[in-house]
């Protein structure tokens, strides 16, 4: 992973010192809250319902054991003993005190971390496939690209005050685990007919109030042109994006209003102008910088021992370990290794939360068994991307000690949920209690396995921080006449063929939502062709009607399908 050099360290230290002085001025009254707000947001500090919340950047979801231990220390010393991992691959601390935030930022800077541009109308934390550098289906590791973009976008003088926040995601696989089509810019690493590596560029995606599937603006962009093309897109957006209405200020609205062809013409024109004016020395330096950054992402020296006796014996003799391997362990590009997903979704737990003790345990496992490499997934779980299969029984045993062994990745209780009205000032309904109720209701592992692959995502407001629009079953919490109401969408898909879910109908109360989900599951189990047909595949085959019948009418799903 990328390591700070002297320039990086000095830059972050200067930012911390500047913010310390700004906090002092706020505390003694020299700055009003209105004056202070843009300053704190530039450093990832929000004022939520009950306290300040600090959002810490974890660029492209990568960190090491030292950094994870620092997060555990912050949770223990300055918060309430836990942190919340988000769908942006960041971590949030929900109970920090304003006077202590400079000390937290200093603790982060000591381990090469920060909270810069985790808020504000700027280019936010660049996200990437959480299996980067390990996935067997990967064309190329997207992390060097993400780091290159992070360095380019940090404090970029032209793009610090965009019409609205701006999000970029990168994937290096044909199987999209980075939700690229739901971002302002999505980059897919691909190869052309000459076997040259470049990028498919997607623009104008996004969820929230106006969900839009991103559109391909360039089918193949050579690597050498990446920054100029990114500059071109952002310049067009910065110049023509709306600033009079924040609900219509995202690039997806501009693309929709102009149309993709007209928007593409503007971008290509700006791109040509940038290329014509580019200094040759600048291009040489850019290539050198890409190469310098790439050196930090060389794969580890993998243990190539092929003796897997201990792993096979444990899988044969321990049914709990065997089930955990089935759900939480994925193929690695090195056949003797595996990718381990650590679920932060124990029965009844708050999705994405990890205690300081759990964070330290994960750090120890990464250091001992995982080549000191940790990832945060956009699905609010933690990944150990490189674990020798021989060590999987030991990893599982340690996870059990810290209640991190839940074998539910990809199943119905592996729920994504935003903090909702328990914390967020923007929320209109609670998300966490609904997630806990669903998780508890479907806690029987045999039942969960019978249901099969299932993505439930719960947002506490229209901003869709939990990506409910692209869930198999999406739940949106809204306030209706002073009462929390939960709308259901069906058939969403977050992968490479991203699809927005269909709204089923009127919402349900907090007491009604779990029985409603159960009726959906019962309908699916009765309609599927065989146990291998997933909920999403069944929905795509039969459509909304039988599921809507199960939700709202006395008519059974099979009768609705027949009609």
Protein backbone atom coordinates (compact mmCIF):
# COMPACT_ATOMS: atom_id res chain seq x y z
CA UNK A 1 0.00 0.00 0.00
CA UNK A 2 1.04 3.61 -0.45
CA UNK A 3 3.41 5.05 2.16
CA UNK A 4 3.59 8.77 2.95
CA UNK A 5 6.80 10.51 1.93
CA UNK A 6 8.16 13.68 3.59
CA UNK A 7 5.92 15.91 1.47
CA UNK A 8 2.77 13.96 2.36
CA UNK A 9 3.60 13.98 6.07
CA UNK A 10 4.39 17.70 6.12
CA UNK A 11 1.20 18.53 4.20
CA UNK A 12 -1.07 16.57 6.56
CA UNK A 13 0.71 17.93 9.65
CA UNK A 14 0.19 21.48 8.40
CA UNK A 15 -3.52 20.79 7.86
CA UNK A 16 -3.83 19.47 11.41
CA UNK A 17 -2.14 22.55 12.88
CA UNK A 18 -4.31 24.89 10.83
CA UNK A 19 -7.46 23.13 11.98
CA UNK A 20 -6.28 23.24 15.61
CA UNK A 21 -6.14 27.04 15.40
CA UNK A 22 -9.57 27.12 13.74
CA UNK A 23 -11.07 25.02 16.54
CA UNK A 24 -9.54 27.33 19.14
CA UNK A 25 -11.16 30.32 17.42
CA UNK A 26 -14.53 28.55 17.36
CA UNK A 27 -14.31 27.63 21.03
CA UNK A 28 -13.43 31.15 22.17
CA UNK A 29 -16.03 32.78 19.93
CA UNK A 30 -13.80 34.38 17.31
CA UNK A 31 -15.54 32.21 14.72
CA UNK A 32 -19.31 31.74 14.56
CA UNK A 33 -20.75 28.31 13.69
CA UNK A 34 -21.68 29.66 10.25
CA UNK A 35 -18.06 30.74 9.68
CA UNK A 36 -16.66 27.53 11.16
CA UNK A 37 -18.89 25.08 9.28
CA UNK A 38 -17.03 25.11 5.93
CA UNK A 39 -13.71 24.81 7.78
CA UNK A 40 -14.73 21.76 9.79
CA UNK A 41 -16.34 20.10 6.77
CA UNK A 42 -13.05 20.42 4.90
CA UNK A 43 -11.64 18.22 7.66
CA UNK A 44 -14.44 15.65 7.73
CA UNK A 45 -16.16 16.96 10.86
CA UNK A 46 -19.97 16.94 10.86
CA UNK A 47 -22.42 18.14 13.50
CA UNK A 48 -24.94 15.33 13.84
CA UNK A 49 -28.06 14.94 15.98
CA UNK A 50 -26.29 14.33 19.29
CA UNK A 51 -22.59 15.07 18.80
CA UNK A 52 -19.87 15.78 16.29
CA UNK A 53 -19.04 12.98 13.86
CA UNK A 54 -15.59 12.62 12.32
CA UNK A 55 -15.35 10.82 8.98
CA UNK A 56 -11.87 9.40 8.39
CA UNK A 57 -10.65 8.66 4.88
CA UNK A 58 -9.53 5.13 4.07
CA UNK A 59 -8.47 5.64 0.45
CA UNK A 60 -9.74 2.81 -1.79
CA UNK A 61 -10.46 0.91 1.43
CA UNK A 62 -6.82 -0.07 2.14
CA UNK A 63 -5.04 0.08 5.48
CA UNK A 64 -2.45 -1.86 7.46
CA UNK A 65 -2.33 -3.22 11.01
CA UNK A 66 -0.70 -0.09 12.46
CA UNK A 67 -3.46 2.08 11.02
CA UNK A 68 -6.20 -0.26 12.23
CA UNK A 69 -4.71 -0.16 15.74
CA UNK A 70 -4.71 3.64 15.55
CA UNK A 71 -8.42 3.56 14.70
CA UNK A 72 -8.99 1.24 17.67
CA UNK A 73 -7.08 3.67 19.91
CA UNK A 74 -9.16 6.62 18.69
CA UNK A 75 -12.39 4.68 19.29
CA UNK A 76 -11.30 3.84 22.82
CA UNK A 77 -9.84 7.19 23.87
CA UNK A 78 -12.01 9.76 22.10
CA UNK A 79 -15.24 7.95 21.20
CA UNK A 80 -17.35 5.24 22.86
CA UNK A 81 -15.21 2.24 22.04
CA UNK A 82 -16.29 1.54 18.47
CA UNK A 83 -16.20 2.89 14.92
CA UNK A 84 -18.64 2.63 12.04
CA UNK A 85 -17.35 1.46 8.63
CA UNK A 86 -19.29 2.97 5.73
CA UNK A 87 -20.29 2.22 2.15
CA UNK A 88 -17.62 4.74 1.06
CA UNK A 89 -14.94 2.48 2.58
CA UNK A 90 -14.38 5.09 5.32
CA UNK A 91 -14.81 4.94 9.08
CA UNK A 92 -16.92 7.31 11.17
CA UNK A 93 -16.59 8.16 14.84
CA UNK A 94 -19.99 9.32 16.06
CA UNK A 95 -19.33 10.80 19.51
CA UNK A 96 -16.24 13.00 19.26
CA UNK A 97 -15.83 16.30 21.10
CA UNK A 98 -14.90 19.39 19.14
CA UNK A 99 -12.04 20.33 21.46
CA UNK A 100 -10.44 16.91 20.95
CA UNK A 101 -10.73 16.62 17.16
CA UNK A 102 -7.28 18.16 16.46
CA UNK A 103 -5.72 15.51 18.70
CA UNK A 104 -7.60 12.80 16.79
CA UNK A 105 -6.37 14.21 13.49
CA UNK A 106 -2.84 14.29 14.88
CA UNK A 107 -3.12 10.62 15.90
CA UNK A 108 -4.28 9.83 12.36
CA UNK A 109 -1.44 11.78 10.75
CA UNK A 110 1.09 9.82 12.83
CA UNK A 111 0.09 6.65 10.92
CA UNK A 112 -0.41 8.17 7.48
CA UNK A 113 -4.15 8.85 7.68
CA UNK A 114 -6.38 11.92 7.55
CA UNK A 115 -9.95 13.17 7.14
CA UNK A 116 -9.28 15.55 4.24
CA UNK A 117 -12.04 15.81 1.61
CA UNK A 118 -14.35 13.35 3.31
CA UNK A 119 -16.93 16.10 3.10
CA UNK A 120 -17.68 19.22 1.10
CA UNK A 121 -18.32 19.89 -2.59
CA UNK A 122 -15.07 18.38 -3.71
CA UNK A 123 -13.72 15.07 -5.00
CA UNK A 124 -14.37 12.67 -2.14
CA UNK A 125 -12.53 9.52 -1.10
CA UNK A 126 -11.76 7.45 -4.23
CA UNK A 127 -13.13 3.93 -3.78
CA UNK A 128 -12.11 0.64 -5.39
CA UNK A 129 -12.78 -3.08 -5.50
CA UNK A 130 -12.13 -4.45 -2.00
CA UNK A 131 -10.58 -7.58 -3.56
CA UNK A 132 -8.00 -5.48 -5.44
CA UNK A 133 -4.67 -7.22 -6.03
CA UNK A 134 -6.08 -10.57 -4.93
CA UNK A 135 -9.09 -11.40 -7.10
CA UNK A 136 -8.71 -14.26 -9.54
CA UNK A 137 -10.85 -12.42 -12.11
CA UNK A 138 -8.79 -9.22 -12.05
CA UNK A 139 -7.30 -7.66 -15.19
CA UNK A 140 -5.13 -5.25 -13.20
CA UNK A 141 -4.94 -3.92 -9.65
CA UNK A 142 -7.00 -0.69 -9.54
CA UNK A 143 -5.36 0.65 -6.36
CA UNK A 144 -2.43 2.42 -8.11
CA UNK A 145 -4.97 4.25 -10.28
CA UNK A 146 -7.05 5.15 -7.23
CA UNK A 147 -3.97 6.44 -5.41
CA UNK A 148 -2.90 8.41 -8.48
CA UNK A 149 -6.34 10.04 -8.56
CA UNK A 150 -6.27 10.67 -4.81
CA UNK A 151 -3.01 12.58 -5.06
CA UNK A 152 -4.21 14.51 -8.12
CA UNK A 153 -7.54 15.46 -6.53
CA UNK A 154 -6.35 16.36 -3.02
CA UNK A 155 -6.43 20.15 -2.65
CA UNK A 156 -6.78 20.52 -6.43
CA UNK A 157 -7.33 24.31 -6.61
CA UNK A 158 -9.82 24.08 -9.47
CA UNK A 159 -12.03 21.39 -7.98
CA UNK A 160 -12.32 22.24 -4.27
CA UNK A 161 -15.63 24.09 -4.74
CA UNK A 162 -17.60 22.08 -7.25
CA UNK A 163 -21.37 22.51 -7.67
CA UNK A 164 -21.81 19.43 -5.46
CA UNK A 165 -19.84 16.53 -3.98
CA UNK A 166 -18.11 14.27 -6.49
CA UNK A 167 -17.42 10.54 -6.19
CA UNK A 168 -15.10 8.29 -8.21
CA UNK A 169 -14.83 4.49 -8.16
CA UNK A 170 -12.35 2.17 -9.90
CA UNK A 171 -12.52 -1.55 -10.62
CA UNK A 172 -9.97 -3.83 -12.26
CA UNK A 173 -12.32 -6.74 -12.88
CA UNK A 174 -15.10 -7.58 -15.29
CA UNK A 175 -17.10 -8.46 -12.16
CA UNK A 176 -17.81 -5.03 -10.72
CA UNK A 177 -17.41 -5.02 -6.93
CA UNK A 178 -17.01 -1.22 -6.78
CA UNK A 179 -20.52 -0.14 -7.97
CA UNK A 180 -18.89 2.00 -10.68
CA UNK A 181 -22.14 2.78 -12.51
CA UNK A 182 -23.56 4.50 -9.41
CA UNK A 183 -20.73 7.08 -9.26
CA UNK A 184 -20.15 10.49 -10.78
CA UNK A 185 -17.23 8.88 -12.60
CA UNK A 186 -16.66 5.14 -12.77
CA UNK A 187 -13.50 3.64 -14.24
CA UNK A 188 -13.26 0.04 -15.40
CA UNK A 189 -9.80 -1.24 -16.27
CA UNK A 190 -10.10 -3.11 -19.58
CA UNK A 191 -8.00 -4.33 -22.48
CA UNK A 192 -8.52 -3.36 -26.11
CA UNK A 193 -8.14 -5.61 -29.14
CA UNK A 194 -4.37 -5.01 -29.09
CA UNK A 195 -4.22 -6.26 -25.49
CA UNK A 196 -3.38 -2.75 -24.23
CA UNK A 197 -4.67 -1.75 -20.82
CA UNK A 198 -6.89 1.32 -20.56
CA UNK A 199 -10.19 2.46 -19.06
CA UNK A 200 -13.86 2.32 -19.85
CA UNK A 201 -15.09 5.67 -18.54
CA UNK A 202 -18.60 5.90 -17.08
CA UNK A 203 -20.14 9.23 -16.16
CA UNK A 204 -23.26 10.58 -14.50
CA UNK A 205 -24.21 7.73 -12.22
CA UNK A 206 -25.58 8.25 -8.73
CA UNK A 207 -28.28 7.25 -6.29
CA UNK A 208 -30.01 9.53 -3.78
CA UNK A 209 -33.00 11.70 -4.63
CA UNK A 210 -32.62 11.10 -8.38
CA UNK A 211 -31.11 7.65 -8.98
CA UNK A 212 -29.36 7.32 -12.35
CA UNK A 213 -27.36 4.52 -13.94
CA UNK A 214 -24.06 5.87 -15.27
CA UNK A 215 -23.43 6.02 -19.02
CA UNK A 216 -20.28 5.04 -20.87
CA UNK A 217 -18.71 8.21 -22.28
CA UNK A 218 -15.46 6.61 -23.51
CA UNK A 219 -15.30 2.93 -24.41
CA UNK A 220 -11.50 2.86 -24.26
CA UNK A 221 -9.23 5.55 -22.82
CA UNK A 222 -5.47 4.88 -22.98
CA UNK A 223 -3.72 5.08 -19.61
CA UNK A 224 -1.59 8.04 -20.66
CA UNK A 225 -4.68 10.24 -21.10
CA UNK A 226 -6.37 9.54 -17.77
CA UNK A 227 -5.72 12.82 -15.96
CA UNK A 228 -6.48 15.04 -18.94
CA UNK A 229 -9.77 13.22 -19.51
CA UNK A 230 -10.69 13.48 -15.83
CA UNK A 231 -9.81 17.19 -15.94
CA UNK A 232 -11.99 17.62 -19.02
CA UNK A 233 -15.04 15.99 -17.39
CA UNK A 234 -14.66 17.99 -14.20
CA UNK A 235 -14.08 21.28 -16.03
CA UNK A 236 -17.28 20.87 -18.00
CA UNK A 237 -19.17 19.98 -14.83
CA UNK A 238 -17.59 22.80 -12.81
CA UNK A 239 -18.46 25.36 -15.48
CA UNK A 240 -21.98 24.18 -16.34
CA UNK A 241 -23.26 22.28 -13.30
CA UNK A 242 -26.10 24.00 -11.47
CA UNK A 243 -25.33 25.95 -8.32
CA UNK A 244 -28.80 27.41 -7.72
CA UNK A 245 -30.36 24.19 -6.45
CA UNK A 246 -28.37 21.59 -4.52
CA UNK A 247 -30.87 18.88 -5.46
CA UNK A 248 -30.08 19.46 -9.14
CA UNK A 249 -26.35 20.14 -8.79
CA UNK A 250 -24.87 16.67 -9.31
CA UNK A 251 -23.22 15.80 -12.61
CA UNK A 252 -25.94 13.24 -13.33
CA UNK A 253 -28.44 16.09 -13.69
CA UNK A 254 -26.14 17.97 -16.07
CA UNK A 255 -25.63 14.86 -18.21
CA UNK A 256 -29.37 14.25 -18.29
CA UNK A 257 -30.20 17.86 -19.21
CA UNK A 258 -27.57 18.09 -21.95
CA UNK A 259 -27.90 14.53 -23.15
CA UNK A 260 -24.92 12.19 -23.25
CA UNK A 261 -23.96 13.08 -26.84
CA UNK A 262 -23.81 16.82 -26.20
CA UNK A 263 -22.06 16.30 -22.88
CA UNK A 264 -19.54 14.00 -24.58
CA UNK A 265 -18.87 16.62 -27.28
CA UNK A 266 -18.09 19.23 -24.63
CA UNK A 267 -15.77 16.85 -22.77
CA UNK A 268 -13.96 15.76 -25.92
CA UNK A 269 -13.48 19.36 -26.99
CA UNK A 270 -11.96 20.26 -23.62
CA UNK A 271 -9.88 17.08 -23.70
CA UNK A 272 -8.43 17.98 -27.10
CA UNK A 273 -7.61 21.48 -25.87
CA UNK A 274 -5.82 20.08 -22.82
CA UNK A 275 -3.85 17.62 -24.95
CA UNK A 276 -2.82 20.36 -27.40
CA UNK A 277 -1.54 22.58 -24.60
CA UNK A 278 0.12 19.82 -22.56
CA UNK A 279 3.84 20.24 -22.05
CA UNK A 280 5.85 17.16 -23.05
CA UNK A 281 7.78 17.38 -19.79
CA UNK A 282 4.49 17.28 -17.90
CA UNK A 283 3.51 14.05 -19.70
CA UNK A 284 6.88 12.48 -18.89
CA UNK A 285 6.51 13.46 -15.21
CA UNK A 286 2.99 12.02 -15.12
CA UNK A 287 4.21 8.68 -16.44
CA UNK A 288 7.09 8.68 -13.94
CA UNK A 289 4.67 9.45 -11.11
CA UNK A 290 2.34 6.61 -12.14
CA UNK A 291 5.29 4.24 -12.12
CA UNK A 292 6.46 5.54 -8.72
CA UNK A 293 3.04 4.99 -7.20
CA UNK A 294 2.67 1.54 -8.76
CA UNK A 295 5.80 0.35 -6.96
CA UNK A 296 3.95 0.62 -3.64
CA UNK A 297 1.41 -1.94 -4.81
CA UNK A 298 3.66 -4.77 -5.81
CA UNK A 299 2.20 -8.07 -4.54
CA UNK A 300 3.73 -9.56 -1.39
CA UNK A 301 6.17 -12.45 -1.52
CA UNK A 302 3.55 -15.16 -1.28
CA UNK A 303 4.18 -18.36 0.65
CA UNK A 304 3.92 -20.99 -2.10
CA UNK A 305 3.68 -24.02 0.19
CA UNK A 306 1.05 -26.33 -1.30
CA UNK A 307 0.54 -28.48 1.82
CA UNK A 308 -3.11 -27.85 2.76
CA UNK A 309 -3.59 -30.82 5.10
CA UNK A 310 -4.61 -28.70 8.12
CA UNK A 311 -7.12 -26.72 6.07
CA UNK A 312 -8.70 -29.80 4.52
CA UNK A 313 -8.83 -31.60 7.86
CA UNK A 314 -10.56 -28.64 9.55
CA UNK A 315 -13.03 -28.30 6.68
CA UNK A 316 -13.80 -32.02 6.87
CA UNK A 317 -14.14 -32.26 10.66
CA UNK A 318 -15.55 -28.89 11.76
CA UNK A 319 -19.01 -28.09 10.30
CA UNK A 320 -18.93 -24.50 11.60
CA UNK A 321 -15.60 -23.84 9.91
CA UNK A 322 -16.87 -25.53 6.76
CA UNK A 323 -19.90 -23.24 6.56
CA UNK A 324 -17.74 -20.17 7.22
CA UNK A 325 -15.43 -21.15 4.35
CA UNK A 326 -18.43 -21.54 2.02
CA UNK A 327 -19.79 -18.06 2.71
CA UNK A 328 -16.85 -15.90 3.81
CA UNK A 329 -13.88 -17.22 1.82
CA UNK A 330 -13.33 -16.43 -1.88
CA UNK A 331 -10.91 -17.52 -4.58
CA UNK A 332 -7.50 -15.85 -4.74
CA UNK A 333 -5.33 -15.47 -7.83
CA UNK A 334 -2.77 -17.62 -5.99
CA UNK A 335 -4.37 -21.07 -5.69
CA UNK A 336 -2.90 -21.81 -2.24
CA UNK A 337 -4.26 -18.53 -0.85
CA UNK A 338 -7.77 -17.23 -0.17
CA UNK A 339 -9.59 -13.94 0.33
CA UNK A 340 -11.30 -13.76 3.74
CA UNK A 341 -14.30 -11.54 4.39
CA UNK A 342 -14.83 -10.76 8.06
CA UNK A 343 -18.51 -10.11 8.61
CA UNK A 344 -19.45 -7.11 10.76
CA UNK A 345 -23.05 -8.37 10.74
CA UNK A 346 -23.42 -10.70 13.71
CA UNK A 347 -27.04 -11.49 14.60
CA UNK A 348 -28.69 -8.34 15.93
CA UNK A 349 -25.54 -6.25 15.55
CA UNK A 350 -25.31 -2.78 14.02
CA UNK A 351 -24.08 -3.26 10.43
CA UNK A 352 -20.59 -1.86 9.94
CA UNK A 353 -19.79 -1.32 13.62
CA UNK A 354 -16.57 -2.74 15.09
CA UNK A 355 -15.36 -2.36 18.65
CA UNK A 356 -11.82 -1.28 19.49
CA UNK A 357 -11.07 -4.84 20.65
CA UNK A 358 -12.35 -6.25 17.36
CA UNK A 359 -10.27 -3.77 15.37
CA UNK A 360 -7.16 -4.79 17.29
CA UNK A 361 -7.96 -8.46 16.69
CA UNK A 362 -8.27 -7.81 12.94
CA UNK A 363 -4.96 -5.92 13.01
CA UNK A 364 -3.27 -8.87 14.74
CA UNK A 365 -4.67 -11.32 12.19
CA UNK A 366 -3.51 -9.18 9.28
CA UNK A 367 -0.05 -8.88 10.73
CA UNK A 368 0.26 -12.59 11.58
CA UNK A 369 -1.52 -14.25 8.66
CA UNK A 370 -2.41 -11.59 6.07
CA UNK A 371 0.80 -9.92 4.86
CA UNK A 372 -0.25 -6.83 6.87
CA UNK A 373 -3.01 -5.93 4.40
CA UNK A 374 -6.59 -5.00 5.36
CA UNK A 375 -9.49 -3.75 3.25
CA UNK A 376 -12.82 -2.13 4.02
CA UNK A 377 -15.61 -3.16 1.64
CA UNK A 378 -18.44 -0.91 0.44
CA UNK A 379 -20.69 -3.59 1.97
CA UNK A 380 -19.50 -2.63 5.48
CA UNK A 381 -17.34 -5.69 6.08
CA UNK A 382 -13.58 -6.12 6.51
CA UNK A 383 -11.39 -8.09 4.12
CA UNK A 384 -8.10 -9.93 4.63
CA UNK A 385 -7.16 -10.18 0.94
CA UNK A 386 -4.21 -12.57 1.23
CA UNK A 387 -4.44 -15.53 3.63
CA UNK A 388 -2.72 -18.86 3.01
CA UNK A 389 -5.32 -21.62 3.17
CA UNK A 390 -3.14 -23.45 5.68
CA UNK A 391 -3.81 -20.61 8.13
CA UNK A 392 -7.58 -20.38 7.69
CA UNK A 393 -8.37 -22.61 10.71
CA UNK A 394 -6.23 -20.38 12.93
CA UNK A 395 -7.84 -17.24 11.53
CA UNK A 396 -11.30 -18.68 12.15
CA UNK A 397 -10.41 -19.67 15.72
CA UNK A 398 -9.25 -16.11 16.49
CA UNK A 399 -12.35 -14.60 14.89
CA UNK A 400 -14.55 -16.76 17.14
CA UNK A 401 -12.84 -15.32 20.23
CA UNK A 402 -13.93 -11.83 19.19
CA UNK A 403 -17.43 -12.64 17.83
CA UNK A 404 -16.32 -12.02 14.25
CA UNK A 405 -16.92 -15.51 12.87
CA UNK A 406 -20.45 -14.95 11.53
CA UNK A 407 -20.84 -17.05 8.38
CA UNK A 408 -23.34 -14.90 6.51
CA UNK A 409 -21.53 -12.99 3.74
CA UNK A 410 -23.95 -12.57 0.83
CA UNK A 411 -26.87 -14.01 2.81
CA UNK A 412 -30.00 -12.33 4.11
CA UNK A 413 -28.48 -11.06 7.38
CA UNK A 414 -25.48 -9.48 5.63
CA UNK A 415 -27.43 -6.22 5.60
CA UNK A 416 -26.12 -2.79 4.60
CA UNK A 417 -27.56 0.05 6.67
CA UNK A 418 -26.77 3.71 7.15
CA UNK A 419 -26.72 5.23 10.68
CA UNK A 420 -30.20 6.66 10.08
CA UNK A 421 -32.14 8.72 12.57
CA UNK A 422 -30.19 7.33 15.52
CA UNK A 423 -27.29 9.60 14.49
CA UNK A 424 -27.74 11.47 11.21
CA UNK A 425 -29.19 14.97 11.06
CA UNK A 426 -30.42 14.35 7.50
CA UNK A 427 -32.26 11.11 8.24
CA UNK A 428 -36.05 10.87 8.30
CA UNK A 429 -36.32 7.36 9.78
CA UNK A 430 -34.33 4.80 11.70
CA UNK A 431 -32.29 2.22 9.82
CA UNK A 432 -30.34 0.40 12.51
CA UNK A 433 -33.30 -1.06 14.46
CA UNK A 434 -34.87 -2.34 11.23
CA UNK A 435 -31.60 -4.02 10.23
CA UNK A 436 -31.31 -5.58 13.69
CA UNK A 437 -34.87 -6.91 13.57
CA UNK A 438 -34.44 -8.46 10.12
CA UNK A 439 -31.10 -9.98 11.13
CA UNK A 440 -32.60 -11.50 14.28
CA UNK A 441 -35.73 -12.74 12.48
CA UNK A 442 -33.68 -14.59 9.85
CA UNK A 443 -30.94 -15.74 12.22
CA UNK A 444 -31.46 -19.45 11.63
CA UNK A 445 -28.48 -20.40 9.47
CA UNK A 446 -30.28 -23.27 7.71
CA UNK A 447 -33.13 -20.93 6.75
CA UNK A 448 -30.67 -18.27 5.54
CA UNK A 449 -28.81 -20.82 3.41
CA UNK A 450 -32.10 -22.06 1.96
CA UNK A 451 -32.93 -18.49 0.91
CA UNK A 452 -29.52 -18.14 -0.72
CA UNK A 453 -27.92 -14.99 -2.09
CA UNK A 454 -29.72 -11.92 -0.82
CA UNK A 455 -28.82 -8.22 -0.70
CA UNK A 456 -30.95 -6.15 1.68
CA UNK A 457 -29.98 -2.48 1.98
CA UNK A 458 -31.65 0.04 4.27
CA UNK A 459 -31.41 3.84 3.98
CA UNK A 460 -32.86 6.22 6.56
CA UNK A 461 -33.49 8.96 4.01
CA UNK A 462 -33.65 9.69 0.29
CA UNK A 463 -29.86 10.27 0.11
CA UNK A 464 -29.41 6.48 -0.21
CA UNK A 465 -26.16 6.17 1.73
CA UNK A 466 -26.91 2.45 2.06
CA UNK A 467 -27.48 2.05 -1.70
CA UNK A 468 -31.05 0.80 -1.23
CA UNK A 469 -31.85 1.57 -4.90
CA UNK A 470 -29.56 -1.26 -6.07
CA UNK A 471 -30.56 -3.88 -3.50
CA UNK A 472 -32.39 -7.11 -4.21
CA UNK A 473 -34.72 -5.84 -1.49
CA UNK A 474 -34.25 -2.15 -0.82
CA UNK A 475 -35.81 -0.39 2.15
CA UNK A 476 -36.16 3.40 2.31
CA UNK A 477 -37.20 4.99 5.58
CA UNK A 478 -39.31 8.15 5.32
CA UNK A 479 -41.37 10.28 7.66
CA UNK A 480 -45.10 10.28 6.90
CA UNK A 481 -47.24 12.49 9.12
CA UNK A 482 -44.83 12.18 12.01
CA UNK A 483 -44.58 8.39 11.68
CA UNK A 484 -41.71 6.39 10.21
CA UNK A 485 -42.72 4.61 7.00
CA UNK A 486 -40.62 2.14 5.03
CA UNK A 487 -40.89 1.82 1.25
CA UNK A 488 -39.74 -1.38 -0.45
CA UNK A 489 -38.00 -1.66 -3.83
CA UNK A 490 -37.32 -4.96 -5.55
CA UNK A 491 -34.92 -6.27 -8.18
CA UNK A 492 -32.01 -3.86 -7.86
CA UNK A 493 -28.49 -5.00 -8.76
CA UNK A 494 -25.23 -3.19 -7.85
CA UNK A 495 -22.90 -5.13 -10.14
CA UNK A 496 -21.62 -4.52 -13.70
CA UNK A 497 -25.15 -4.61 -15.14
CA UNK A 498 -26.35 -2.15 -12.53
CA UNK A 499 -30.12 -1.94 -12.24
CA UNK A 500 -32.33 0.27 -10.09
CA UNK A 501 -34.99 -1.51 -8.06
CA UNK A 502 -38.72 -1.12 -8.72
CA UNK A 503 -40.88 0.47 -6.06
CA UNK A 504 -43.40 -2.06 -4.80
CA UNK A 505 -46.06 0.33 -3.49
CA UNK A 506 -47.07 2.09 -0.25
CA UNK A 507 -44.73 1.95 2.71
CA UNK A 508 -44.96 -0.12 5.88
CA UNK A 509 -44.69 0.90 9.50
CA UNK A 510 -41.71 -0.12 11.60
CA UNK A 511 -43.78 -2.96 13.10
CA UNK A 512 -44.97 -4.15 9.70
CA UNK A 513 -41.69 -4.18 7.77
CA UNK A 514 -40.25 -7.47 9.05
CA UNK A 515 -43.49 -9.45 8.38
CA UNK A 516 -43.53 -7.82 4.93
CA UNK A 517 -40.00 -9.05 4.23
CA UNK A 518 -40.99 -12.51 5.42
CA UNK A 519 -43.94 -12.55 3.00
CA UNK A 520 -41.54 -11.62 0.18
CA UNK A 521 -39.18 -14.43 1.11
CA UNK A 522 -42.02 -16.95 1.37
CA UNK A 523 -43.28 -15.87 -2.06
CA UNK A 524 -39.80 -16.28 -3.53
CA UNK A 525 -39.33 -19.75 -2.02
CA UNK A 526 -42.66 -20.80 -3.49
CA UNK A 527 -41.95 -19.36 -6.93
CA UNK A 528 -38.37 -20.31 -7.64
CA UNK A 529 -37.71 -23.08 -10.13
CA UNK A 530 -35.13 -24.83 -7.96
CA UNK A 531 -32.92 -24.11 -4.92
CA UNK A 532 -30.20 -22.68 -7.18
CA UNK A 533 -32.42 -19.89 -8.55
CA UNK A 534 -31.60 -16.71 -6.62
CA UNK A 535 -34.13 -14.13 -5.50
CA UNK A 536 -32.83 -11.67 -8.12
CA UNK A 537 -33.05 -14.22 -10.94
CA UNK A 538 -36.55 -15.22 -9.88
CA UNK A 539 -37.66 -11.58 -9.77
CA UNK A 540 -36.22 -10.95 -13.23
CA UNK A 541 -38.11 -14.00 -14.51
CA UNK A 542 -41.54 -13.37 -13.01
CA UNK A 543 -41.61 -9.62 -12.42
CA UNK A 544 -43.23 -7.54 -9.69
CA UNK A 545 -46.81 -8.89 -9.72
CA UNK A 546 -46.50 -12.03 -7.54
CA UNK A 547 -44.29 -10.25 -5.02
CA UNK A 548 -46.63 -7.28 -4.83
CA UNK A 549 -49.49 -9.70 -4.28
CA UNK A 550 -47.62 -11.25 -1.39
CA UNK A 551 -46.97 -7.83 0.11
CA UNK A 552 -50.37 -6.15 -0.26
CA UNK A 553 -53.19 -8.54 -1.13
CA UNK A 554 -54.77 -11.74 -0.05
CA UNK A 555 -54.09 -13.14 -3.52
CA UNK A 556 -51.22 -15.61 -3.36
CA UNK A 557 -48.09 -15.15 -5.46
CA UNK A 558 -48.80 -18.14 -7.71
CA UNK A 559 -52.28 -16.85 -8.54
CA UNK A 560 -50.86 -13.40 -9.26
CA UNK A 561 -48.26 -14.94 -11.55
CA UNK A 562 -50.96 -16.86 -13.41
CA UNK A 563 -53.06 -13.72 -13.87
